[in-house]
Amino acid sequence: MRHIIVAMLMPAALCAQSAQGAQQANHRTLPADLQIRLALQAAPAPMRDSATVQGWAANGSFVTLRQGSNSMICVGPDPAVTERLEVTCHHRDLEAFLARGRALAAQGVTGERRTRARWDEMAAGTLALPGGTVNSILTGTSFDSTTGAIRDPYIRWVIYVPNATGASTGLSEIPAGPGAPWLMFAGTQGAHIMISPTRR
């Protein structure tokens, strides 16, 4: 089963900089200011200045790098993920759901087991996943360590609608073509609308 959530990313260090300042995956935890610049690119432009940013301290702990004042929380590159560059930004009402996912992963519960564990907790009423909340996922091939600009950016959106079906939303329950929204995990606690624009 494919698992969508994530708030995890690639790391890179400023030591091995190319002539263009491009940075690839496979490095240490990034400086806080660079994590912030990268993470904010996943947020809608009008909401970036006031968004909260989470990321990783040098000791590997997950921390708040910048406290914001609006409803968005962005997440910088995860030093444990070396095969891709990914940053995310989610509505604050998703925080409990995503934090539970991080906690389960830390316990070694991953993949479908983690997905099912959270669905079970939602069904039991011990974990909330508010409908209509969004998670934006931005990936790239590298970034400029001077400006923080992400190379070859690609963003997709996940909008959570627990228990929704094709009948209740009018959406296809299978991928409906490039850029078209569709409903993944229809009829489950984790139902969500996927929007994946055509890649350039």
N, C-alpha and C. Protein backbone atom coordinates (compact mmCIF):
# COMPACT_ATOMS: atom_id res chain seq x y z
N MET A 1 0.85 -1.19 0.00
CA MET A 1 0.00 0.00 0.00
C MET A 1 0.89 1.23 0.00
N ARG A 2 0.54 2.17 -0.82
CA ARG A 2 1.31 3.40 -0.83
C ARG A 2 0.95 4.26 0.36
N HIS A 3 1.94 4.92 0.89
CA HIS A 3 1.69 5.77 2.06
C HIS A 3 2.10 7.19 1.70
N ILE A 4 1.18 8.12 1.92
CA ILE A 4 1.37 9.45 1.38
C ILE A 4 2.09 10.40 2.33
N ILE A 5 1.81 10.30 3.59
CA ILE A 5 2.26 11.37 4.46
C ILE A 5 3.75 11.37 4.70
N VAL A 6 3.99 12.34 4.72
CA VAL A 6 5.36 12.43 5.06
C VAL A 6 5.83 13.75 5.35
N ALA A 7 6.46 13.88 6.02
CA ALA A 7 7.06 15.13 6.30
C ALA A 7 8.51 14.94 6.43
N MET A 8 9.10 14.27 5.49
CA MET A 8 10.47 13.89 5.64
C MET A 8 11.28 14.31 4.43
N LEU A 9 12.53 14.62 4.68
CA LEU A 9 13.34 15.12 3.61
C LEU A 9 14.78 14.74 3.62
N MET A 10 15.41 15.12 2.52
CA MET A 10 16.82 14.87 2.39
C MET A 10 17.64 15.90 3.14
N PRO A 11 18.85 15.55 3.54
CA PRO A 11 19.76 16.48 4.16
C PRO A 11 20.92 16.82 3.23
N ALA A 12 21.64 17.87 3.58
CA ALA A 12 22.85 18.19 2.84
C ALA A 12 23.70 19.11 3.68
N ALA A 13 24.97 19.09 3.54
CA ALA A 13 25.85 19.96 4.29
C ALA A 13 26.45 20.99 3.37
N LEU A 14 26.89 22.04 3.94
CA LEU A 14 27.43 23.11 3.12
C LEU A 14 28.87 22.85 2.70
N CYS A 15 29.47 21.76 3.19
CA CYS A 15 30.85 21.43 2.84
C CYS A 15 30.96 20.89 1.44
N ALA A 16 31.02 20.58 0.58
CA ALA A 16 31.09 19.96 -0.73
C ALA A 16 30.26 20.72 -1.73
N GLN A 17 30.35 22.00 -1.69
CA GLN A 17 29.56 22.86 -2.55
C GLN A 17 30.12 22.87 -3.96
N SER A 18 29.25 22.79 -4.94
CA SER A 18 29.71 22.85 -6.33
C SER A 18 29.90 24.29 -6.75
N ALA A 19 30.38 24.50 -7.97
CA ALA A 19 30.61 25.85 -8.46
C ALA A 19 29.33 26.65 -8.47
N GLN A 20 28.20 25.98 -8.70
CA GLN A 20 26.92 26.69 -8.72
C GLN A 20 26.29 26.75 -7.33
N GLY A 21 26.91 26.15 -6.34
CA GLY A 21 26.33 26.14 -5.00
C GLY A 21 25.24 25.10 -4.87
N ALA A 22 25.15 24.14 -5.78
CA ALA A 22 24.11 23.13 -5.69
C ALA A 22 24.48 22.10 -4.65
N GLN A 23 23.48 21.64 -3.88
CA GLN A 23 23.70 20.70 -2.80
C GLN A 23 22.82 19.49 -3.04
N GLN A 24 23.37 18.30 -2.86
CA GLN A 24 22.61 17.07 -3.08
C GLN A 24 22.29 16.42 -1.74
N ALA A 25 21.53 15.31 -1.80
CA ALA A 25 21.23 14.54 -0.61
C ALA A 25 22.51 13.86 -0.12
N ASN A 26 22.44 13.24 1.06
CA ASN A 26 23.54 12.43 1.57
C ASN A 26 24.46 13.17 2.52
N HIS A 27 24.02 14.19 3.20
CA HIS A 27 24.88 14.96 4.08
C HIS A 27 24.26 15.11 5.47
N ARG A 28 24.92 15.91 6.29
CA ARG A 28 24.49 16.10 7.67
C ARG A 28 23.29 17.03 7.78
N THR A 29 22.84 17.21 9.02
CA THR A 29 21.76 18.16 9.29
C THR A 29 22.15 19.55 8.79
N LEU A 30 21.25 20.20 8.11
CA LEU A 30 21.51 21.53 7.59
C LEU A 30 21.40 22.58 8.69
N PRO A 31 22.05 23.74 8.51
CA PRO A 31 21.88 24.85 9.45
C PRO A 31 20.40 25.25 9.51
N ALA A 32 19.97 25.73 10.68
CA ALA A 32 18.56 26.06 10.88
C ALA A 32 18.05 27.06 9.86
N ASP A 33 18.83 28.09 9.56
CA ASP A 33 18.33 29.11 8.63
C ASP A 33 18.11 28.54 7.23
N LEU A 34 18.95 27.59 6.83
CA LEU A 34 18.77 26.97 5.52
C LEU A 34 17.59 26.01 5.53
N GLN A 35 17.40 25.26 6.59
CA GLN A 35 16.22 24.41 6.70
C GLN A 35 14.96 25.25 6.57
N ILE A 36 14.95 26.41 7.21
CA ILE A 36 13.78 27.29 7.17
C ILE A 36 13.52 27.78 5.75
N ARG A 37 14.56 28.23 5.07
CA ARG A 37 14.38 28.73 3.70
C ARG A 37 13.86 27.64 2.76
N LEU A 38 14.37 26.44 2.93
CA LEU A 38 13.91 25.34 2.09
C LEU A 38 12.47 24.98 2.40
N ALA A 39 12.15 24.82 3.69
CA ALA A 39 10.82 24.37 4.10
C ALA A 39 9.73 25.33 3.66
N LEU A 40 9.99 26.62 3.76
CA LEU A 40 8.95 27.60 3.45
C LEU A 40 8.50 27.56 2.00
N GLN A 41 9.31 27.01 1.12
CA GLN A 41 8.95 26.96 -0.29
C GLN A 41 7.78 26.01 -0.56
N ALA A 42 7.45 25.15 0.43
CA ALA A 42 6.30 24.26 0.28
C ALA A 42 4.99 24.94 0.66
N ALA A 43 5.07 26.11 1.27
CA ALA A 43 3.87 26.83 1.71
C ALA A 43 3.36 27.76 0.62
N PRO A 44 2.05 28.06 0.61
CA PRO A 44 1.55 29.10 -0.30
C PRO A 44 2.31 30.40 -0.05
N ALA A 45 2.71 31.08 -1.09
CA ALA A 45 3.54 32.28 -0.95
C ALA A 45 3.00 33.30 0.05
N PRO A 46 1.68 33.59 0.06
CA PRO A 46 1.18 34.60 1.01
C PRO A 46 1.27 34.17 2.48
N MET A 47 1.52 32.90 2.75
CA MET A 47 1.51 32.39 4.11
C MET A 47 2.91 32.10 4.65
N ARG A 48 3.94 32.31 3.85
CA ARG A 48 5.29 31.92 4.25
C ARG A 48 5.85 32.76 5.39
N ASP A 49 5.62 34.06 5.37
CA ASP A 49 6.24 34.93 6.37
C ASP A 49 5.81 34.60 7.78
N SER A 50 4.61 34.06 7.95
CA SER A 50 4.08 33.81 9.29
C SER A 50 3.96 32.33 9.64
N ALA A 51 4.52 31.46 8.81
CA ALA A 51 4.42 30.02 9.06
C ALA A 51 5.41 29.57 10.13
N THR A 52 5.02 28.59 10.91
CA THR A 52 5.94 27.92 11.83
C THR A 52 6.81 26.96 11.02
N VAL A 53 8.06 26.78 11.43
CA VAL A 53 8.95 25.84 10.74
C VAL A 53 9.55 24.87 11.75
N GLN A 54 9.43 23.59 11.44
CA GLN A 54 10.03 22.53 12.23
C GLN A 54 11.20 21.93 11.46
N GLY A 55 12.12 21.30 12.21
CA GLY A 55 13.26 20.68 11.55
C GLY A 55 14.10 19.94 12.57
N TRP A 56 15.38 19.83 12.30
CA TRP A 56 16.24 19.00 13.12
C TRP A 56 17.40 19.79 13.70
N ALA A 57 17.66 19.56 14.98
CA ALA A 57 18.82 20.14 15.64
C ALA A 57 20.05 19.30 15.33
N ALA A 58 21.22 19.82 15.66
CA ALA A 58 22.47 19.12 15.36
C ALA A 58 22.54 17.76 16.05
N ASN A 59 21.85 17.63 17.19
CA ASN A 59 21.88 16.35 17.92
C ASN A 59 20.87 15.34 17.39
N GLY A 60 20.15 15.71 16.32
CA GLY A 60 19.20 14.80 15.70
C GLY A 60 17.78 14.91 16.21
N SER A 61 17.55 15.75 17.19
CA SER A 61 16.20 15.88 17.74
C SER A 61 15.32 16.74 16.82
N PHE A 62 14.04 16.44 16.82
CA PHE A 62 13.06 17.16 16.00
C PHE A 62 12.57 18.35 16.82
N VAL A 63 12.73 19.56 16.29
CA VAL A 63 12.48 20.77 17.06
C VAL A 63 11.71 21.80 16.23
N THR A 64 11.20 22.82 16.91
CA THR A 64 10.64 23.98 16.23
C THR A 64 11.78 24.96 15.97
N LEU A 65 12.03 25.24 14.72
CA LEU A 65 13.11 26.15 14.34
C LEU A 65 12.65 27.61 14.35
N ARG A 66 11.38 27.81 14.06
CA ARG A 66 10.82 29.16 14.06
C ARG A 66 9.35 29.08 14.41
N GLN A 67 8.93 29.86 15.38
CA GLN A 67 7.52 29.89 15.75
C GLN A 67 6.80 30.91 14.90
N GLY A 68 5.72 30.51 14.26
CA GLY A 68 4.95 31.41 13.42
C GLY A 68 3.64 31.81 14.07
N SER A 69 2.79 32.48 13.30
CA SER A 69 1.54 32.99 13.86
C SER A 69 0.32 32.62 13.03
N ASN A 70 0.51 31.91 11.92
CA ASN A 70 -0.66 31.53 11.13
C ASN A 70 -0.93 30.03 11.28
N SER A 71 -1.72 29.47 10.38
CA SER A 71 -2.17 28.08 10.54
C SER A 71 -1.24 27.05 9.90
N MET A 72 -0.14 27.49 9.30
CA MET A 72 0.71 26.57 8.55
C MET A 72 1.97 26.18 9.32
N ILE A 73 2.35 24.90 9.18
CA ILE A 73 3.59 24.38 9.78
C ILE A 73 4.39 23.71 8.66
N CYS A 74 5.60 24.19 8.44
CA CYS A 74 6.46 23.64 7.40
C CYS A 74 7.57 22.82 8.05
N VAL A 75 8.08 21.84 7.32
CA VAL A 75 9.08 20.92 7.86
C VAL A 75 10.28 20.86 6.92
N GLY A 76 11.47 21.04 7.48
CA GLY A 76 12.70 21.03 6.71
C GLY A 76 13.21 19.63 6.42
N PRO A 77 14.36 19.52 5.73
CA PRO A 77 14.89 18.23 5.31
C PRO A 77 15.28 17.32 6.48
N ASP A 78 14.87 16.07 6.41
CA ASP A 78 15.18 15.08 7.44
C ASP A 78 16.57 14.51 7.18
N PRO A 79 17.50 14.62 8.12
CA PRO A 79 18.86 14.09 7.90
C PRO A 79 18.89 12.58 7.68
N ALA A 80 17.85 11.86 8.10
CA ALA A 80 17.84 10.41 7.94
C ALA A 80 17.44 9.98 6.53
N VAL A 81 16.92 10.90 5.74
CA VAL A 81 16.47 10.56 4.39
C VAL A 81 17.50 11.09 3.40
N THR A 82 18.21 10.18 2.76
CA THR A 82 19.32 10.58 1.91
C THR A 82 19.07 10.40 0.42
N GLU A 83 17.94 9.78 0.07
CA GLU A 83 17.73 9.47 -1.34
C GLU A 83 16.91 10.52 -2.08
N ARG A 84 16.42 11.54 -1.39
CA ARG A 84 15.62 12.54 -2.08
C ARG A 84 15.63 13.86 -1.31
N LEU A 85 15.28 14.93 -1.98
CA LEU A 85 15.06 16.23 -1.35
C LEU A 85 13.56 16.43 -1.24
N GLU A 86 13.08 16.61 -0.04
CA GLU A 86 11.65 16.82 0.16
C GLU A 86 11.42 17.71 1.35
N VAL A 87 10.55 18.70 1.19
CA VAL A 87 10.08 19.53 2.29
C VAL A 87 8.56 19.55 2.22
N THR A 88 7.93 19.82 3.35
CA THR A 88 6.47 19.79 3.39
C THR A 88 5.93 20.97 4.18
N CYS A 89 4.65 21.22 3.99
CA CYS A 89 3.95 22.25 4.77
C CYS A 89 2.52 21.79 4.97
N HIS A 90 2.07 21.79 6.22
CA HIS A 90 0.73 21.27 6.52
C HIS A 90 -0.06 22.22 7.42
N HIS A 91 -1.36 22.07 7.39
CA HIS A 91 -2.22 22.84 8.29
C HIS A 91 -1.98 22.37 9.72
N ARG A 92 -2.01 23.30 10.66
CA ARG A 92 -1.69 22.97 12.05
C ARG A 92 -2.61 21.89 12.64
N ASP A 93 -3.84 21.76 12.11
CA ASP A 93 -4.75 20.74 12.65
C ASP A 93 -4.31 19.32 12.27
N LEU A 94 -3.33 19.20 11.36
CA LEU A 94 -2.77 17.90 11.02
C LEU A 94 -1.62 17.50 11.94
N GLU A 95 -1.20 18.40 12.82
CA GLU A 95 0.01 18.16 13.60
C GLU A 95 -0.07 16.90 14.45
N ALA A 96 -1.20 16.66 15.11
CA ALA A 96 -1.31 15.46 15.96
C ALA A 96 -1.16 14.19 15.12
N PHE A 97 -1.76 14.18 13.94
CA PHE A 97 -1.68 13.02 13.05
C PHE A 97 -0.24 12.76 12.59
N LEU A 98 0.44 13.83 12.20
CA LEU A 98 1.81 13.68 11.72
C LEU A 98 2.77 13.37 12.86
N ALA A 99 2.54 13.97 14.02
CA ALA A 99 3.39 13.68 15.18
C ALA A 99 3.25 12.22 15.59
N ARG A 100 2.05 11.68 15.49
CA ARG A 100 1.85 10.27 15.81
C ARG A 100 2.59 9.39 14.80
N GLY A 101 2.61 9.80 13.55
CA GLY A 101 3.36 9.07 12.55
C GLY A 101 4.85 9.06 12.86
N ARG A 102 5.39 10.19 13.30
CA ARG A 102 6.80 10.24 13.67
C ARG A 102 7.09 9.34 14.87
N ALA A 103 6.18 9.35 15.84
CA ALA A 103 6.37 8.53 17.03
C ALA A 103 6.36 7.04 16.68
N LEU A 104 5.44 6.64 15.82
CA LEU A 104 5.38 5.23 15.41
C LEU A 104 6.63 4.84 14.65
N ALA A 105 7.09 5.71 13.76
CA ALA A 105 8.31 5.42 12.99
C ALA A 105 9.50 5.24 13.92
N ALA A 106 9.57 6.06 14.98
CA ALA A 106 10.66 5.95 15.94
C ALA A 106 10.64 4.62 16.67
N GLN A 107 9.45 4.02 16.74
CA GLN A 107 9.29 2.71 17.37
C GLN A 107 9.50 1.55 16.39
N GLY A 108 9.82 1.90 15.15
CA GLY A 108 10.03 0.88 14.13
C GLY A 108 8.77 0.46 13.41
N VAL A 109 7.67 1.18 13.63
CA VAL A 109 6.40 0.88 12.95
C VAL A 109 6.34 1.75 11.70
N THR A 110 6.47 1.13 10.53
CA THR A 110 6.54 1.89 9.29
C THR A 110 5.62 1.30 8.23
N GLY A 111 5.55 1.97 7.08
CA GLY A 111 4.79 1.46 5.95
C GLY A 111 3.33 1.23 6.25
N GLU A 112 2.80 0.11 5.75
CA GLU A 112 1.39 -0.19 5.93
C GLU A 112 1.02 -0.36 7.39
N ARG A 113 1.94 -0.89 8.20
CA ARG A 113 1.66 -1.06 9.62
C ARG A 113 1.40 0.28 10.30
N ARG A 114 2.18 1.29 9.92
CA ARG A 114 1.98 2.62 10.49
C ARG A 114 0.67 3.21 10.01
N THR A 115 0.38 3.05 8.72
CA THR A 115 -0.89 3.54 8.17
C THR A 115 -2.07 2.94 8.93
N ARG A 116 -2.07 1.62 9.07
CA ARG A 116 -3.16 0.93 9.75
C ARG A 116 -3.27 1.31 11.22
N ALA A 117 -2.11 1.48 11.87
CA ALA A 117 -2.12 1.85 13.29
C ALA A 117 -2.82 3.18 13.50
N ARG A 118 -2.54 4.14 12.66
CA ARG A 118 -3.19 5.44 12.81
C ARG A 118 -4.67 5.37 12.45
N TRP A 119 -5.02 4.60 11.44
CA TRP A 119 -6.44 4.45 11.11
C TRP A 119 -7.19 3.83 12.29
N ASP A 120 -6.60 2.83 12.91
CA ASP A 120 -7.25 2.18 14.05
C ASP A 120 -7.45 3.16 15.20
N GLU A 121 -6.46 4.01 15.43
CA GLU A 121 -6.58 5.00 16.49
C GLU A 121 -7.64 6.05 16.15
N MET A 122 -7.75 6.40 14.89
CA MET A 122 -8.80 7.32 14.47
C MET A 122 -10.17 6.71 14.68
N ALA A 123 -10.31 5.43 14.30
CA ALA A 123 -11.60 4.75 14.46
C ALA A 123 -11.98 4.65 15.93
N ALA A 124 -10.96 4.53 16.80
CA ALA A 124 -11.22 4.42 18.23
C ALA A 124 -11.45 5.78 18.88
N GLY A 125 -11.25 6.85 18.12
CA GLY A 125 -11.46 8.19 18.66
C GLY A 125 -10.30 8.74 19.45
N THR A 126 -9.13 8.11 19.35
CA THR A 126 -7.97 8.59 20.11
C THR A 126 -7.01 9.42 19.28
N LEU A 127 -7.27 9.52 17.98
CA LEU A 127 -6.43 10.33 17.09
C LEU A 127 -7.33 11.05 16.10
N ALA A 128 -7.09 12.34 15.94
CA ALA A 128 -7.94 13.15 15.05
C ALA A 128 -7.25 13.41 13.72
N LEU A 129 -8.03 13.42 12.66
CA LEU A 129 -7.58 13.83 11.34
C LEU A 129 -8.69 14.70 10.75
N PRO A 130 -8.65 16.01 11.05
CA PRO A 130 -9.74 16.89 10.62
C PRO A 130 -9.88 16.96 9.11
N GLY A 131 -11.10 16.83 8.63
CA GLY A 131 -11.38 16.89 7.21
C GLY A 131 -11.07 18.26 6.62
N GLY A 132 -10.59 18.27 5.39
CA GLY A 132 -10.30 19.51 4.69
C GLY A 132 -8.91 20.06 4.95
N THR A 133 -8.13 19.39 5.79
CA THR A 133 -6.77 19.86 6.06
C THR A 133 -5.83 19.42 4.95
N VAL A 134 -4.81 20.23 4.70
CA VAL A 134 -3.95 20.00 3.55
C VAL A 134 -2.50 19.80 3.96
N ASN A 135 -1.81 18.94 3.22
CA ASN A 135 -0.37 18.77 3.34
C ASN A 135 0.23 18.98 1.96
N SER A 136 1.15 19.94 1.83
CA SER A 136 1.83 20.21 0.57
C SER A 136 3.20 19.57 0.61
N ILE A 137 3.56 18.86 -0.44
CA ILE A 137 4.82 18.11 -0.47
C ILE A 137 5.63 18.60 -1.66
N LEU A 138 6.80 19.17 -1.38
CA LEU A 138 7.66 19.74 -2.41
C LEU A 138 8.94 18.93 -2.51
N THR A 139 9.24 18.45 -3.72
CA THR A 139 10.47 17.70 -3.94
C THR A 139 11.34 18.42 -4.97
N GLY A 140 12.61 18.03 -5.02
CA GLY A 140 13.53 18.61 -5.98
C GLY A 140 14.75 17.73 -6.13
N THR A 141 15.60 18.06 -7.08
CA THR A 141 16.80 17.26 -7.32
C THR A 141 17.99 17.74 -6.49
N SER A 142 17.99 19.01 -6.10
CA SER A 142 19.07 19.59 -5.33
C SER A 142 18.64 21.00 -4.92
N PHE A 143 19.52 21.71 -4.28
CA PHE A 143 19.21 23.10 -3.95
C PHE A 143 20.49 23.92 -3.94
N ASP A 144 20.32 25.23 -4.06
CA ASP A 144 21.44 26.16 -4.00
C ASP A 144 21.68 26.52 -2.55
N SER A 145 22.85 26.20 -2.04
CA SER A 145 23.11 26.39 -0.61
C SER A 145 23.28 27.86 -0.24
N THR A 146 23.45 28.73 -1.22
CA THR A 146 23.55 30.16 -0.94
C THR A 146 22.18 30.82 -0.87
N THR A 147 21.34 30.53 -1.85
CA THR A 147 20.02 31.16 -1.91
C THR A 147 18.92 30.29 -1.30
N GLY A 148 19.14 28.97 -1.22
CA GLY A 148 18.11 28.06 -0.74
C GLY A 148 17.12 27.67 -1.82
N ALA A 149 17.33 28.13 -3.05
CA ALA A 149 16.41 27.81 -4.13
C ALA A 149 16.48 26.32 -4.46
N ILE A 150 15.32 25.68 -4.58
CA ILE A 150 15.24 24.26 -4.89
C ILE A 150 15.27 24.06 -6.40
N ARG A 151 16.13 23.15 -6.85
CA ARG A 151 16.25 22.86 -8.27
C ARG A 151 15.20 21.84 -8.70
N ASP A 152 14.62 22.05 -9.87
CA ASP A 152 13.61 21.15 -10.44
C ASP A 152 12.47 20.91 -9.44
N PRO A 153 11.86 21.98 -8.92
CA PRO A 153 10.81 21.80 -7.91
C PRO A 153 9.56 21.15 -8.47
N TYR A 154 8.96 20.29 -7.65
CA TYR A 154 7.69 19.66 -8.02
C TYR A 154 6.85 19.57 -6.74
N ILE A 155 5.66 20.15 -6.78
CA ILE A 155 4.81 20.16 -5.60
C ILE A 155 3.50 19.42 -5.87
N ARG A 156 3.05 18.68 -4.88
CA ARG A 156 1.75 18.01 -4.96
C ARG A 156 1.03 18.25 -3.64
N TRP A 157 -0.30 18.02 -3.65
CA TRP A 157 -1.11 18.33 -2.48
C TRP A 157 -1.94 17.13 -2.06
N VAL A 158 -2.06 16.97 -0.76
CA VAL A 158 -2.90 15.95 -0.16
C VAL A 158 -3.93 16.67 0.70
N ILE A 159 -5.22 16.44 0.44
CA ILE A 159 -6.28 17.07 1.23
C ILE A 159 -7.08 15.95 1.90
N TYR A 160 -7.09 15.94 3.22
CA TYR A 160 -7.69 14.83 3.96
C TYR A 160 -9.19 14.97 4.09
N VAL A 161 -9.89 13.89 3.77
CA VAL A 161 -11.35 13.83 3.84
C VAL A 161 -11.73 12.45 4.38
N PRO A 162 -11.51 12.20 5.67
CA PRO A 162 -11.74 10.86 6.23
C PRO A 162 -13.09 10.26 5.86
N ASN A 163 -13.06 9.00 5.45
CA ASN A 163 -14.24 8.20 5.12
C ASN A 163 -14.95 8.62 3.84
N ALA A 164 -14.41 9.58 3.12
CA ALA A 164 -15.05 10.01 1.87
C ALA A 164 -14.96 8.91 0.82
N THR A 165 -15.91 8.93 -0.10
CA THR A 165 -15.93 7.98 -1.20
C THR A 165 -16.13 8.74 -2.51
N GLY A 166 -16.01 8.02 -3.61
CA GLY A 166 -16.30 8.64 -4.89
C GLY A 166 -17.73 9.12 -4.95
N ALA A 167 -18.64 8.35 -4.36
CA ALA A 167 -20.05 8.72 -4.38
C ALA A 167 -20.31 9.97 -3.56
N SER A 168 -19.59 10.14 -2.45
CA SER A 168 -19.85 11.30 -1.59
C SER A 168 -19.16 12.57 -2.07
N THR A 169 -18.14 12.42 -2.93
CA THR A 169 -17.38 13.59 -3.37
C THR A 169 -17.50 13.89 -4.85
N GLY A 170 -17.87 12.87 -5.66
CA GLY A 170 -17.88 13.04 -7.10
C GLY A 170 -16.50 12.89 -7.72
N LEU A 171 -15.52 12.41 -6.94
CA LEU A 171 -14.16 12.24 -7.44
C LEU A 171 -13.92 10.79 -7.85
N SER A 172 -13.02 10.62 -8.81
CA SER A 172 -12.60 9.28 -9.19
C SER A 172 -11.82 8.65 -8.05
N GLU A 173 -11.97 7.33 -7.89
CA GLU A 173 -11.22 6.62 -6.85
C GLU A 173 -9.94 6.00 -7.40
N ILE A 174 -9.62 6.29 -8.65
CA ILE A 174 -8.35 5.90 -9.24
C ILE A 174 -7.77 7.14 -9.91
N PRO A 175 -6.45 7.17 -10.14
CA PRO A 175 -5.86 8.34 -10.80
C PRO A 175 -6.62 8.70 -12.07
N ALA A 176 -6.95 9.98 -12.18
CA ALA A 176 -7.86 10.41 -13.24
C ALA A 176 -7.17 11.17 -14.36
N GLY A 177 -5.87 11.09 -14.44
CA GLY A 177 -5.16 11.79 -15.50
C GLY A 177 -4.27 12.89 -14.93
N PRO A 178 -3.30 13.36 -15.69
CA PRO A 178 -2.34 14.36 -15.22
C PRO A 178 -3.02 15.60 -14.64
N GLY A 179 -2.71 15.89 -13.39
CA GLY A 179 -3.22 17.10 -12.75
C GLY A 179 -4.62 17.00 -12.20
N ALA A 180 -5.34 15.93 -12.50
CA ALA A 180 -6.73 15.82 -12.04
C ALA A 180 -6.78 15.30 -10.61
N PRO A 181 -7.62 15.90 -9.77
CA PRO A 181 -7.75 15.38 -8.40
C PRO A 181 -8.44 14.03 -8.38
N TRP A 182 -8.03 13.16 -7.46
CA TRP A 182 -8.67 11.86 -7.30
C TRP A 182 -8.62 11.46 -5.83
N LEU A 183 -9.44 10.49 -5.48
CA LEU A 183 -9.60 10.11 -4.08
C LEU A 183 -8.83 8.83 -3.79
N MET A 184 -7.85 8.93 -2.92
CA MET A 184 -7.05 7.76 -2.54
C MET A 184 -7.55 7.21 -1.21
N PHE A 185 -7.48 5.88 -1.05
CA PHE A 185 -7.96 5.20 0.16
C PHE A 185 -9.43 5.51 0.44
N ALA A 186 -10.21 5.58 -0.63
CA ALA A 186 -11.64 5.91 -0.50
C ALA A 186 -12.33 5.01 0.51
N GLY A 187 -13.19 5.62 1.32
CA GLY A 187 -13.98 4.88 2.29
C GLY A 187 -13.25 4.48 3.55
N THR A 188 -12.01 4.92 3.71
CA THR A 188 -11.24 4.60 4.90
C THR A 188 -11.04 5.84 5.78
N GLN A 189 -10.52 5.60 6.97
CA GLN A 189 -10.20 6.72 7.87
C GLN A 189 -9.18 7.66 7.23
N GLY A 190 -8.34 7.11 6.37
CA GLY A 190 -7.28 7.92 5.77
C GLY A 190 -7.59 8.44 4.37
N ALA A 191 -8.84 8.47 3.97
CA ALA A 191 -9.18 8.95 2.63
C ALA A 191 -8.66 10.37 2.42
N HIS A 192 -8.11 10.60 1.24
CA HIS A 192 -7.61 11.94 0.95
C HIS A 192 -7.63 12.19 -0.56
N ILE A 193 -7.75 13.46 -0.90
CA ILE A 193 -7.73 13.90 -2.29
C ILE A 193 -6.27 14.14 -2.68
N MET A 194 -5.88 13.52 -3.77
CA MET A 194 -4.53 13.71 -4.32
C MET A 194 -4.60 14.67 -5.50
N ILE A 195 -3.70 15.66 -5.49
CA ILE A 195 -3.58 16.57 -6.63
C ILE A 195 -2.10 16.61 -7.00
N SER A 196 -1.79 16.02 -8.17
CA SER A 196 -0.41 15.92 -8.63
C SER A 196 -0.30 16.54 -10.01
N PRO A 197 0.13 17.79 -10.10
CA PRO A 197 0.21 18.45 -11.40
C PRO A 197 1.13 17.72 -12.37
N THR A 198 0.96 17.98 -13.65
CA THR A 198 1.85 17.42 -14.65
C THR A 198 3.24 17.97 -14.42
N ARG A 199 4.25 17.08 -14.47
CA ARG A 199 5.63 17.52 -14.32
C ARG A 199 6.08 18.27 -15.56
N ARG A 200 6.87 19.29 -15.36
CA ARG A 200 7.36 20.08 -16.50
C ARG A 200 8.51 19.34 -17.18
